[in-house]
PDB file of N, CA and C in Angstrom:
ATOM      1  N   UNK A   1     206.190 160.975-101.885  1.00  0.00           N
ATOM      2  CA  UNK A   1     207.167 159.908-101.978  1.00  0.00           C
ATOM      3  C   UNK A   1     207.578 159.674-103.433  1.00  0.00           C
ATOM      4  N   UNK A   2     206.604 159.542-104.336  1.00  0.00           N
ATOM      5  CA  UNK A   2     206.881 159.387-105.756  1.00  0.00           C
ATOM      6  C   UNK A   2     206.410 160.641-106.467  1.00  0.00           C
ATOM      7  N   UNK A   3     207.210 161.127-107.414  1.00  0.00           N
ATOM      8  CA  UNK A   3     206.738 162.201-108.271  1.00  0.00           C
ATOM      9  C   UNK A   3     205.783 161.614-109.286  1.00  0.00           C
ATOM     10  N   UNK A   4     205.135 162.474-110.065  1.00  0.00           N
ATOM     11  CA  UNK A   4     204.193 161.973-111.082  1.00  0.00           C
ATOM     12  C   UNK A   4     204.893 161.039-112.054  1.00  0.00           C
ATOM     13  N   UNK A   5     206.079 161.419-112.492  1.00  0.00           N
ATOM     14  CA  UNK A   5     206.812 160.567-113.437  1.00  0.00           C
ATOM     15  C   UNK A   5     207.229 159.262-112.770  1.00  0.00           C
ATOM     16  N   UNK A   6     207.634 159.328-111.500  1.00  0.00           N
ATOM     17  CA  UNK A   6     208.061 158.130-110.784  1.00  0.00           C
ATOM     18  C   UNK A   6     206.920 157.152-110.579  1.00  0.00           C
ATOM     19  N   UNK A   7     205.761 157.666-110.208  1.00  0.00           N
ATOM     20  CA  UNK A   7     204.602 156.812-110.000  1.00  0.00           C
ATOM     21  C   UNK A   7     204.121 156.219-111.321  1.00  0.00           C
ATOM     22  N   UNK A   8     204.131 157.036-112.365  1.00  0.00           N
ATOM     23  CA  UNK A   8     203.734 156.537-113.689  1.00  0.00           C
ATOM     24  C   UNK A   8     204.669 155.445-114.171  1.00  0.00           C
ATOM     25  N   UNK A   9     205.963 155.649-113.940  1.00  0.00           N
ATOM     26  CA  UNK A   9     206.949 154.634-114.331  1.00  0.00           C
ATOM     27  C   UNK A   9     206.768 153.352-113.543  1.00  0.00           C
ATOM     28  N   UNK A  10     206.473 153.505-112.266  1.00  0.00           N
ATOM     29  CA  UNK A  10     206.231 152.345-111.418  1.00  0.00           C
ATOM     30  C   UNK A  10     205.000 151.576-111.888  1.00  0.00           C
ATOM     31  N   UNK A  11     203.958 152.304-112.246  1.00  0.00           N
ATOM     32  CA  UNK A  11     202.732 151.664-112.740  1.00  0.00           C
ATOM     33  C   UNK A  11     202.998 150.937-114.067  1.00  0.00           C
ATOM     34  N   UNK A  12     203.803 151.538-114.933  1.00  0.00           N
ATOM     35  CA  UNK A  12     204.148 150.886-116.205  1.00  0.00           C
ATOM     36  C   UNK A  12     204.926 149.597-115.947  1.00  0.00           C
ATOM     37  N   UNK A  13     205.869 149.663-114.996  1.00  0.00           N
ATOM     38  CA  UNK A  13     206.647 148.469-114.661  1.00  0.00           C
ATOM     39  C   UNK A  13     205.736 147.370-114.128  1.00  0.00           C
ATOM     40  N   UNK A  14     204.810 147.738-113.262  1.00  0.00           N
ATOM     41  CA  UNK A  14     203.887 146.749-112.692  1.00  0.00           C
ATOM     42  C   UNK A  14     203.015 146.135-113.779  1.00  0.00           C
ATOM     43  N   UNK A  15     202.558 146.960-114.715  1.00  0.00           N
ATOM     44  CA  UNK A  15     201.722 146.451-115.802  1.00  0.00           C
ATOM     45  C   UNK A  15     202.521 145.505-116.696  1.00  0.00           C
ATOM     46  N   UNK A  16     203.771 145.869-116.996  1.00  0.00           N
ATOM     47  CA  UNK A  16     204.619 145.005-117.826  1.00  0.00           C
ATOM     48  C   UNK A  16     204.891 143.685-117.101  1.00  0.00           C
ATOM     49  N   UNK A  17     205.140 143.757-115.785  1.00  0.00           N
ATOM     50  CA  UNK A  17     205.378 142.544-115.017  1.00  0.00           C
ATOM     51  C   UNK A  17     204.147 141.653-115.046  1.00  0.00           C
ATOM     52  N   UNK A  18     202.981 142.250-114.908  1.00  0.00           N
ATOM     53  CA  UNK A  18     201.743 141.474-114.934  1.00  0.00           C
ATOM     54  C   UNK A  18     201.553 140.803-116.295  1.00  0.00           C
ATOM     55  N   UNK A  19     201.866 141.506-117.379  1.00  0.00           N
ATOM     56  CA  UNK A  19     201.774 140.915-118.721  1.00  0.00           C
ATOM     57  C   UNK A  19     202.739 139.752-118.862  1.00  0.00           C
ATOM     58  N   UNK A  20     203.964 139.920-118.337  1.00  0.00           N
ATOM     59  CA  UNK A  20     204.959 138.849-118.412  1.00  0.00           C
ATOM     60  C   UNK A  20     204.537 137.642-117.585  1.00  0.00           C
ATOM     61  N   UNK A  21     203.899 137.890-116.457  1.00  0.00           N
ATOM     62  CA  UNK A  21     203.411 136.784-115.620  1.00  0.00           C
ATOM     63  C   UNK A  21     202.317 136.014-116.352  1.00  0.00           C
ATOM     64  N   UNK A  22     201.406 136.724-116.985  1.00  0.00           N
ATOM     65  CA  UNK A  22     200.337 136.049-117.746  1.00  0.00           C
ATOM     66  C   UNK A  22     200.921 135.223-118.879  1.00  0.00           C
ATOM     67  N   UNK A  23     201.940 135.757-119.539  1.00  0.00           N
ATOM     68  CA  UNK A  23     202.592 135.026-120.625  1.00  0.00           C
ATOM     69  C   UNK A  23     203.264 133.760-120.076  1.00  0.00           C
ATOM     70  N   UNK A  24     203.942 133.895-118.939  1.00  0.00           N
ATOM     71  CA  UNK A  24     204.599 132.739-118.322  1.00  0.00           C
ATOM     72  C   UNK A  24     203.568 131.696-117.904  1.00  0.00           C
ATOM     73  N   UNK A  25     202.439 132.129-117.364  1.00  0.00           N
ATOM     74  CA  UNK A  25     201.389 131.191-116.968  1.00  0.00           C
ATOM     75  C   UNK A  25     200.838 130.448-118.182  1.00  0.00           C
ATOM     76  N   UNK A  26     200.684 131.144-119.298  1.00  0.00           N
ATOM     77  CA  UNK A  26     200.207 130.491-120.527  1.00  0.00           C
ATOM     78  C   UNK A  26     201.225 129.468-121.017  1.00  0.00           C
ATOM     79  N   UNK A  27     202.514 129.817-120.928  1.00  0.00           N
ATOM     80  CA  UNK A  27     203.557 128.873-121.330  1.00  0.00           C
ATOM     81  C   UNK A  27     203.566 127.651-120.413  1.00  0.00           C
ATOM     82  N   UNK A  28     203.406 127.874-119.116  1.00  0.00           N
ATOM     83  CA  UNK A  28     203.384 126.762-118.165  1.00  0.00           C
ATOM     84  C   UNK A  28     202.183 125.847-118.395  1.00  0.00           C
ATOM     85  N   UNK A  29     201.077 126.418-118.850  1.00  0.00           N
ATOM     86  CA  UNK A  29     199.887 125.608-119.135  1.00  0.00           C
ATOM     87  C   UNK A  29     200.154 124.627-120.278  1.00  0.00           C
ATOM     88  N   UNK A  30     201.162 124.917-121.097  1.00  0.00           N
ATOM     89  CA  UNK A  30     201.516 124.035-122.209  1.00  0.00           C
ATOM     90  C   UNK A  30     202.767 123.197-121.919  1.00  0.00           C
ATOM     91  N   UNK A  31     203.469 123.507-120.832  1.00  0.00           N
ATOM     92  CA  UNK A  31     204.697 122.795-120.488  1.00  0.00           C
ATOM     93  C   UNK A  31     204.350 121.440-119.887  1.00  0.00           C
ATOM     94  N   UNK A  32     204.887 120.384-120.494  1.00  0.00           N
ATOM     95  CA  UNK A  32     204.594 119.032-120.028  1.00  0.00           C
ATOM     96  C   UNK A  32     205.677 118.521-119.087  1.00  0.00           C
ATOM     97  N   UNK A  33     205.245 117.779-118.092  1.00  0.00           N
ATOM     98  CA  UNK A  33     206.129 117.076-117.175  1.00  0.00           C
ATOM     99  C   UNK A  33     205.615 115.639-117.075  1.00  0.00           C
ATOM    100  N   UNK A  34     206.498 114.742-116.651  1.00  0.00           N
ATOM    101  CA  UNK A  34     206.137 113.327-116.573  1.00  0.00           C
ATOM    102  C   UNK A  34     206.424 112.818-115.165  1.00  0.00           C
ATOM    103  N   UNK A  35     205.441 112.164-114.593  1.00  0.00           N
ATOM    104  CA  UNK A  35     205.618 111.465-113.322  1.00  0.00           C
ATOM    105  C   UNK A  35     205.717 109.979-113.606  1.00  0.00           C
ATOM    106  N   UNK A  36     206.682 109.328-112.950  1.00  0.00           N
ATOM    107  CA  UNK A  36     206.899 107.898-113.177  1.00  0.00           C
ATOM    108  C   UNK A  36     206.903 107.144-111.859  1.00  0.00           C
ATOM    109  N   UNK A  37     206.585 105.870-111.947  1.00  0.00           N
ATOM    110  CA  UNK A  37     206.662 104.975-110.791  1.00  0.00           C
ATOM    111  C   UNK A  37     206.987 103.577-111.289  1.00  0.00           C
ATOM    112  N   UNK A  38     207.501 102.755-110.396  1.00  0.00           N
ATOM    113  CA  UNK A  38     207.812 101.369-110.762  1.00  0.00           C
ATOM    114  C   UNK A  38     208.866 101.285-111.837  1.00  0.00           C
ATOM    115  N   UNK A  39     209.923 102.093-111.710  1.00  0.00           N
ATOM    116  CA  UNK A  39     210.997 102.117-112.710  1.00  0.00           C
ATOM    117  C   UNK A  39     210.473 102.350-114.120  1.00  0.00           C
ATOM    118  N   UNK A  40     209.491 103.253-114.238  1.00  0.00           N
ATOM    119  CA  UNK A  40     208.965 103.615-115.554  1.00  0.00           C
ATOM    120  C   UNK A  40     207.835 102.735-116.046  1.00  0.00           C
ATOM    121  N   UNK A  41     207.379 101.793-115.233  1.00  0.00           N
ATOM    122  CA  UNK A  41     206.270 100.941-115.664  1.00  0.00           C
ATOM    123  C   UNK A  41     204.957 101.726-115.737  1.00  0.00           C
ATOM    124  N   UNK A  42     204.865 102.784-114.932  1.00  0.00           N
ATOM    125  CA  UNK A  42     203.713 103.686-114.978  1.00  0.00           C
ATOM    126  C   UNK A  42     204.247 105.077-115.254  1.00  0.00           C
ATOM    127  N   UNK A  43     203.730 105.720-116.301  1.00  0.00           N
ATOM    128  CA  UNK A  43     204.124 107.082-116.647  1.00  0.00           C
ATOM    129  C   UNK A  43     202.861 107.906-116.876  1.00  0.00           C
ATOM    130  N   UNK A  44     202.823 109.063-116.233  1.00  0.00           N
ATOM    131  CA  UNK A  44     201.697 109.968-116.414  1.00  0.00           C
ATOM    132  C   UNK A  44     202.251 111.305-116.868  1.00  0.00           C
ATOM    133  N   UNK A  45     201.736 111.779-117.999  1.00  0.00           N
ATOM    134  CA  UNK A  45     202.164 113.046-118.565  1.00  0.00           C
ATOM    135  C   UNK A  45     201.083 114.082-118.310  1.00  0.00           C
ATOM    136  N   UNK A  46     201.519 115.253-117.885  1.00  0.00           N
ATOM    137  CA  UNK A  46     200.579 116.336-117.639  1.00  0.00           C
ATOM    138  C   UNK A  46     201.253 117.674-117.811  1.00  0.00           C
ATOM    139  N   UNK A  47     200.490 118.727-117.601  1.00  0.00           N
ATOM    140  CA  UNK A  47     201.025 120.075-117.743  1.00  0.00           C
ATOM    141  C   UNK A  47     201.252 120.690-116.366  1.00  0.00           C
ATOM    142  N   UNK A  48     201.914 121.837-116.379  1.00  0.00           N
ATOM    143  CA  UNK A  48     202.196 122.523-115.116  1.00  0.00           C
ATOM    144  C   UNK A  48     200.956 123.170-114.513  1.00  0.00           C
ATOM    145  N   UNK A  49     199.845 123.164-115.233  1.00  0.00           N
ATOM    146  CA  UNK A  49     198.594 123.613-114.606  1.00  0.00           C
ATOM    147  C   UNK A  49     197.731 122.406-114.239  1.00  0.00           C
ATOM    148  N   UNK A  50     198.373 121.244-114.129  1.00  0.00           N
ATOM    149  CA  UNK A  50     197.784 120.009-113.599  1.00  0.00           C
ATOM    150  C   UNK A  50     196.724 119.370-114.492  1.00  0.00           C
ATOM    151  N   UNK A  51     196.848 119.561-115.778  1.00  0.00           N
ATOM    152  CA  UNK A  51     195.975 118.853-116.719  1.00  0.00           C
ATOM    153  C   UNK A  51     196.691 117.572-117.138  1.00  0.00           C
ATOM    154  N   UNK A  52     196.103 116.429-116.833  1.00  0.00           N
ATOM    155  CA  UNK A  52     196.699 115.144-117.206  1.00  0.00           C
ATOM    156  C   UNK A  52     196.427 114.912-118.683  1.00  0.00           C
ATOM    157  N   UNK A  53     197.485 114.626-119.431  1.00  0.00           N
ATOM    158  CA  UNK A  53     197.355 114.438-120.881  1.00  0.00           C
ATOM    159  C   UNK A  53     197.466 112.983-121.316  1.00  0.00           C
ATOM    160  N   UNK A  54     198.201 112.187-120.565  1.00  0.00           N
ATOM    161  CA  UNK A  54     198.370 110.793-120.977  1.00  0.00           C
ATOM    162  C   UNK A  54     198.744 109.928-119.785  1.00  0.00           C
ATOM    163  N   UNK A  55     198.278 108.685-119.831  1.00  0.00           N
ATOM    164  CA  UNK A  55     198.634 107.679-118.824  1.00  0.00           C
ATOM    165  C   UNK A  55     199.129 106.457-119.584  1.00  0.00           C
ATOM    166  N   UNK A  56     200.315 106.005-119.221  1.00  0.00           N
ATOM    167  CA  UNK A  56     200.849 104.796-119.846  1.00  0.00           C
ATOM    168  C   UNK A  56     201.178 103.796-118.745  1.00  0.00           C
ATOM    169  N   UNK A  57     200.613 102.615-118.885  1.00  0.00           N
ATOM    170  CA  UNK A  57     200.909 101.519-117.964  1.00  0.00           C
ATOM    171  C   UNK A  57     201.456 100.378-118.809  1.00  0.00           C
ATOM    172  N   UNK A  58     202.626  99.929-118.455  1.00  0.00           N
ATOM    173  CA  UNK A  58     203.279  98.855-119.201  1.00  0.00           C
ATOM    174  C   UNK A  58     202.384  97.618-119.255  1.00  0.00           C
ATOM    175  N   UNK A  59     202.276  97.004-120.425  1.00  0.00           N
ATOM    176  CA  UNK A  59     201.494  95.762-120.526  1.00  0.00           C
ATOM    177  C   UNK A  59     202.007  94.676-119.576  1.00  0.00           C
ATOM    178  N   UNK A  60     203.325  94.662-119.327  1.00  0.00           N
ATOM    179  CA  UNK A  60     203.885  93.684-118.390  1.00  0.00           C
ATOM    180  C   UNK A  60     203.318  93.899-116.985  1.00  0.00           C
ATOM    181  N   UNK A  61     203.179  95.165-116.606  1.00  0.00           N
ATOM    182  CA  UNK A  61     202.636  95.473-115.283  1.00  0.00           C
ATOM    183  C   UNK A  61     201.161  95.109-115.210  1.00  0.00           C
ATOM    184  N   UNK A  62     200.442  95.356-116.265  1.00  0.00           N
ATOM    185  CA  UNK A  62     199.009  95.025-116.283  1.00  0.00           C
ATOM    186  C   UNK A  62     198.822  93.517-116.098  1.00  0.00           C
ATOM    187  N   UNK A  63     199.643  92.728-116.793  1.00  0.00           N
ATOM    188  CA  UNK A  63     199.554  91.279-116.663  1.00  0.00           C
ATOM    189  C   UNK A  63     199.914  90.844-115.240  1.00  0.00           C
ATOM    190  N   UNK A  64     200.941  91.473-114.674  1.00  0.00           N
ATOM    191  CA  UNK A  64     201.392  91.121-113.330  1.00  0.00           C
ATOM    192  C   UNK A  64     200.379  91.561-112.267  1.00  0.00           C
ATOM    193  N   UNK A  65     199.717  92.691-112.525  1.00  0.00           N
ATOM    194  CA  UNK A  65     198.803  93.259-111.525  1.00  0.00           C
ATOM    195  C   UNK A  65     197.409  92.648-111.587  1.00  0.00           C
ATOM    196  N   UNK A  66     197.205  91.671-112.459  1.00  0.00           N
ATOM    197  CA  UNK A  66     195.883  91.057-112.572  1.00  0.00           C
ATOM    198  C   UNK A  66     195.396  90.535-111.229  1.00  0.00           C
ATOM    199  N   UNK A  67     196.321  90.068-110.418  1.00  0.00           N
ATOM    200  CA  UNK A  67     195.962  89.540-109.104  1.00  0.00           C
ATOM    201  C   UNK A  67     196.270  90.518-107.972  1.00  0.00           C
ATOM    202  N   UNK A  68     196.775  91.706-108.328  1.00  0.00           N
ATOM    203  CA  UNK A  68     197.183  92.659-107.297  1.00  0.00           C
ATOM    204  C   UNK A  68     196.838  94.087-107.731  1.00  0.00           C
ATOM    205  N   UNK A  69     195.554  94.378-107.745  1.00  0.00           N
ATOM    206  CA  UNK A  69     195.092  95.703-108.172  1.00  0.00           C
ATOM    207  C   UNK A  69     195.626  96.799-107.254  1.00  0.00           C
ATOM    208  N   UNK A  70     195.801  96.490-105.982  1.00  0.00           N
ATOM    209  CA  UNK A  70     196.291  97.491-105.027  1.00  0.00           C
ATOM    210  C   UNK A  70     197.691  97.975-105.407  1.00  0.00           C
ATOM    211  N   UNK A  71     198.548  97.068-105.898  1.00  0.00           N
ATOM    212  CA  UNK A  71     199.882  97.461-106.328  1.00  0.00           C
ATOM    213  C   UNK A  71     199.787  98.446-107.495  1.00  0.00           C
ATOM    214  N   UNK A  72     198.935  98.148-108.459  1.00  0.00           N
ATOM    215  CA  UNK A  72     198.764  99.026-109.610  1.00  0.00           C
ATOM    216  C   UNK A  72     198.232 100.388-109.174  1.00  0.00           C
ATOM    217  N   UNK A  73     197.267 100.381-108.268  1.00  0.00           N
ATOM    218  CA  UNK A  73     196.727 101.643-107.750  1.00  0.00           C
ATOM    219  C   UNK A  73     197.809 102.462-107.063  1.00  0.00           C
ATOM    220  N   UNK A  74     198.660 101.796-106.270  1.00  0.00           N
ATOM    221  CA  UNK A  74     199.744 102.490-105.577  1.00  0.00           C
ATOM    222  C   UNK A  74     200.744 103.102-106.562  1.00  0.00           C
ATOM    223  N   UNK A  75     201.047 102.384-107.628  1.00  0.00           N
ATOM    224  CA  UNK A  75     201.992 102.906-108.623  1.00  0.00           C
ATOM    225  C   UNK A  75     201.399 104.090-109.382  1.00  0.00           C
ATOM    226  N   UNK A  76     200.115 104.032-109.710  1.00  0.00           N
ATOM    227  CA  UNK A  76     199.467 105.158-110.384  1.00  0.00           C
ATOM    228  C   UNK A  76     199.464 106.372-109.461  1.00  0.00           C
ATOM    229  N   UNK A  77     199.152 106.164-108.208  1.00  0.00           N
ATOM    230  CA  UNK A  77     199.158 107.257-107.242  1.00  0.00           C
ATOM    231  C   UNK A  77     200.558 107.848-107.092  1.00  0.00           C
ATOM    232  N   UNK A  78     201.562 107.008-107.030  1.00  0.00           N
ATOM    233  CA  UNK A  78     202.945 107.491-106.909  1.00  0.00           C
ATOM    234  C   UNK A  78     203.348 108.308-108.140  1.00  0.00           C
ATOM    235  N   UNK A  79     202.954 107.866-109.328  1.00  0.00           N
ATOM    236  CA  UNK A  79     203.272 108.602-110.554  1.00  0.00           C
ATOM    237  C   UNK A  79     202.543 109.950-110.578  1.00  0.00           C
ATOM    238  N   UNK A  80     201.294 109.965-110.142  1.00  0.00           N
ATOM    239  CA  UNK A  80     200.536 111.226-110.073  1.00  0.00           C
ATOM    240  C   UNK A  80     201.166 112.192-109.068  1.00  0.00           C
ATOM    241  N   UNK A  81     201.623 111.667-107.952  1.00  0.00           N
ATOM    242  CA  UNK A  81     202.275 112.503-106.948  1.00  0.00           C
ATOM    243  C   UNK A  81     203.560 113.107-107.503  1.00  0.00           C
ATOM    244  N   UNK A  82     204.345 112.297-108.201  1.00  0.00           N
ATOM    245  CA  UNK A  82     205.573 112.808-108.807  1.00  0.00           C
ATOM    246  C   UNK A  82     205.259 113.849-109.872  1.00  0.00           C
ATOM    247  N   UNK A  83     204.233 113.601-110.669  1.00  0.00           N
ATOM    248  CA  UNK A  83     203.809 114.566-111.686  1.00  0.00           C
ATOM    249  C   UNK A  83     203.455 115.900-111.025  1.00  0.00           C
ATOM    250  N   UNK A  84     202.665 115.843-109.974  1.00  0.00           N
ATOM    251  CA  UNK A  84     202.271 117.052-109.245  1.00  0.00           C
ATOM    252  C   UNK A  84     203.495 117.793-108.708  1.00  0.00           C
ATOM    253  N   UNK A  85     204.411 117.070-108.077  1.00  0.00           N
ATOM    254  CA  UNK A  85     205.603 117.683-107.499  1.00  0.00           C
ATOM    255  C   UNK A  85     206.470 118.343-108.570  1.00  0.00           C
ATOM    256  N   UNK A  86     206.628 117.674-109.711  1.00  0.00           N
ATOM    257  CA  UNK A  86     207.426 118.251-110.805  1.00  0.00           C
ATOM    258  C   UNK A  86     206.749 119.488-111.379  1.00  0.00           C
ATOM    259  N   UNK A  87     205.440 119.446-111.525  1.00  0.00           N
ATOM    260  CA  UNK A  87     204.715 120.603-112.047  1.00  0.00           C
ATOM    261  C   UNK A  87     204.860 121.789-111.100  1.00  0.00           C
ATOM    262  N   UNK A  88     204.729 121.550-109.802  1.00  0.00           N
ATOM    263  CA  UNK A  88     204.873 122.622-108.815  1.00  0.00           C
ATOM    264  C   UNK A  88     206.283 123.198-108.832  1.00  0.00           C
ATOM    265  N   UNK A  89     207.295 122.336-108.901  1.00  0.00           N
ATOM    266  CA  UNK A  89     208.680 122.798-108.906  1.00  0.00           C
ATOM    267  C   UNK A  89     208.986 123.599-110.170  1.00  0.00           C
ATOM    268  N   UNK A  90     208.506 123.128-111.306  1.00  0.00           N
ATOM    269  CA  UNK A  90     208.730 123.841-112.562  1.00  0.00           C
ATOM    270  C   UNK A  90     208.053 125.203-112.535  1.00  0.00           C
ATOM    271  N   UNK A  91     206.839 125.246-112.024  1.00  0.00           N
ATOM    272  CA  UNK A  91     206.103 126.511-111.921  1.00  0.00           C
ATOM    273  C   UNK A  91     206.804 127.467-110.965  1.00  0.00           C
ATOM    274  N   UNK A  92     207.213 126.981-109.816  1.00  0.00           N
ATOM    275  CA  UNK A  92     207.887 127.834-108.832  1.00  0.00           C
ATOM    276  C   UNK A  92     209.182 128.400-109.396  1.00  0.00           C
ATOM    277  N   UNK A  93     209.920 127.554-110.094  1.00  0.00           N
ATOM    278  CA  UNK A  93     211.188 128.015-110.688  1.00  0.00           C
ATOM    279  C   UNK A  93     210.933 129.103-111.730  1.00  0.00           C
ATOM    280  N   UNK A  94     209.955 128.886-112.583  1.00  0.00           N
ATOM    281  CA  UNK A  94     209.650 129.852-113.649  1.00  0.00           C
ATOM    282  C   UNK A  94     209.128 131.164-113.077  1.00  0.00           C
ATOM    283  N   UNK A  95     208.258 131.088-112.097  1.00  0.00           N
ATOM    284  CA  UNK A  95     207.639 132.291-111.547  1.00  0.00           C
ATOM    285  C   UNK A  95     208.567 133.043-110.594  1.00  0.00           C
ATOM    286  N   UNK A  96     209.602 132.394-110.086  1.00  0.00           N
ATOM    287  CA  UNK A  96     210.508 133.054-109.145  1.00  0.00           C
ATOM    288  C   UNK A  96     211.241 134.227-109.781  1.00  0.00           C
ATOM    289  N   UNK A  97     211.377 134.211-111.096  1.00  0.00           N
ATOM    290  CA  UNK A  97     212.062 135.322-111.755  1.00  0.00           C
ATOM    291  C   UNK A  97     211.297 136.635-111.589  1.00  0.00           C
ATOM    292  N   UNK A  98     210.010 136.545-111.321  1.00  0.00           N
ATOM    293  CA  UNK A  98     209.204 137.753-111.180  1.00  0.00           C
ATOM    294  C   UNK A  98     209.212 138.289-109.747  1.00  0.00           C
ATOM    295  N   UNK A  99     209.592 137.445-108.806  1.00  0.00           N
ATOM    296  CA  UNK A  99     209.537 137.869-107.411  1.00  0.00           C
ATOM    297  C   UNK A  99     210.914 138.108-106.808  1.00  0.00           C
ATOM    298  N   UNK A 100     211.984 137.862-107.579  1.00  0.00           N
ATOM    299  CA  UNK A 100     213.333 138.129-107.064  1.00  0.00           C
ATOM    300  C   UNK A 100     213.461 139.606-106.751  1.00  0.00           C
ATOM    301  N   UNK A 101     214.015 139.885-105.599  1.00  0.00           N
ATOM    302  CA  UNK A 101     214.260 141.266-105.225  1.00  0.00           C
ATOM    303  C   UNK A 101     213.083 141.976-104.580  1.00  0.00           C
ATOM    304  N   UNK A 102     211.930 141.324-104.559  1.00  0.00           N
ATOM    305  CA  UNK A 102     210.774 141.950-103.911  1.00  0.00           C
ATOM    306  C   UNK A 102     210.832 141.691-102.406  1.00  0.00           C
ATOM    307  N   UNK A 103     210.281 142.602-101.627  1.00  0.00           N
ATOM    308  CA  UNK A 103     210.227 142.364-100.173  1.00  0.00           C
ATOM    309  C   UNK A 103     209.406 141.116 -99.868  1.00  0.00           C
ATOM    310  N   UNK A 104     209.671 140.441 -98.754  1.00  0.00           N
ATOM    311  CA  UNK A 104     208.908 139.241 -98.385  1.00  0.00           C
ATOM    312  C   UNK A 104     207.401 139.511 -98.400  1.00  0.00           C
ATOM    313  N   UNK A 105     206.668 138.591 -98.982  1.00  0.00           N
ATOM    314  CA  UNK A 105     205.215 138.702 -99.040  1.00  0.00           C
ATOM    315  C   UNK A 105     204.697 139.412-100.282  1.00  0.00           C
ATOM    316  N   UNK A 106     205.534 140.207-100.940  1.00  0.00           N
ATOM    317  CA  UNK A 106     205.092 140.932-102.131  1.00  0.00           C
ATOM    318  C   UNK A 106     204.890 140.003-103.325  1.00  0.00           C
ATOM    319  N   UNK A 107     205.599 138.873-103.356  1.00  0.00           N
ATOM    320  CA  UNK A 107     205.432 137.934-104.456  1.00  0.00           C
ATOM    321  C   UNK A 107     204.014 137.400-104.548  1.00  0.00           C
ATOM    322  N   UNK A 108     203.328 137.302-103.405  1.00  0.00           N
ATOM    323  CA  UNK A 108     201.953 136.820-103.392  1.00  0.00           C
ATOM    324  C   UNK A 108     201.018 137.767-104.117  1.00  0.00           C
ATOM    325  N   UNK A 109     201.387 139.023-104.195  1.00  0.00           N
ATOM    326  CA  UNK A 109     200.582 140.041-104.862  1.00  0.00           C
ATOM    327  C   UNK A 109     200.411 139.727-106.345  1.00  0.00           C
ATOM    328  N   UNK A 110     201.392 139.039-106.951  1.00  0.00           N
ATOM    329  CA  UNK A 110     201.389 138.799-108.387  1.00  0.00           C
ATOM    330  C   UNK A 110     200.850 137.430-108.764  1.00  0.00           C
ATOM    331  N   UNK A 111     200.315 136.676-107.822  1.00  0.00           N
ATOM    332  CA  UNK A 111     199.781 135.344-108.135  1.00  0.00           C
ATOM    333  C   UNK A 111     198.401 135.458-108.713  1.00  0.00           C
TER     334      UNK A 111
END
């Protein structure tokens, strides 16, 4: 099916793709996204590999939530959920460049 040169070229392409994927994964590990809730009263910053780097809760919200801890918990959870969703979307968008044109299911090979 493949000649020696064809198979060697294919292997080189696969190796280069794998190197590019590792580079993209390293870049994504440093790419920050922000999840917000309560019109920005809660902001959580993290990376696309799900490392949380910062949590900011507005002092106004802290004062208001003194009697309603459940509200504060819900807003933190909502911000974390948004952070997760943004990180996943950013990662999927970045990694899709490596799987365009591949047959269905082949993209999983490069994860």
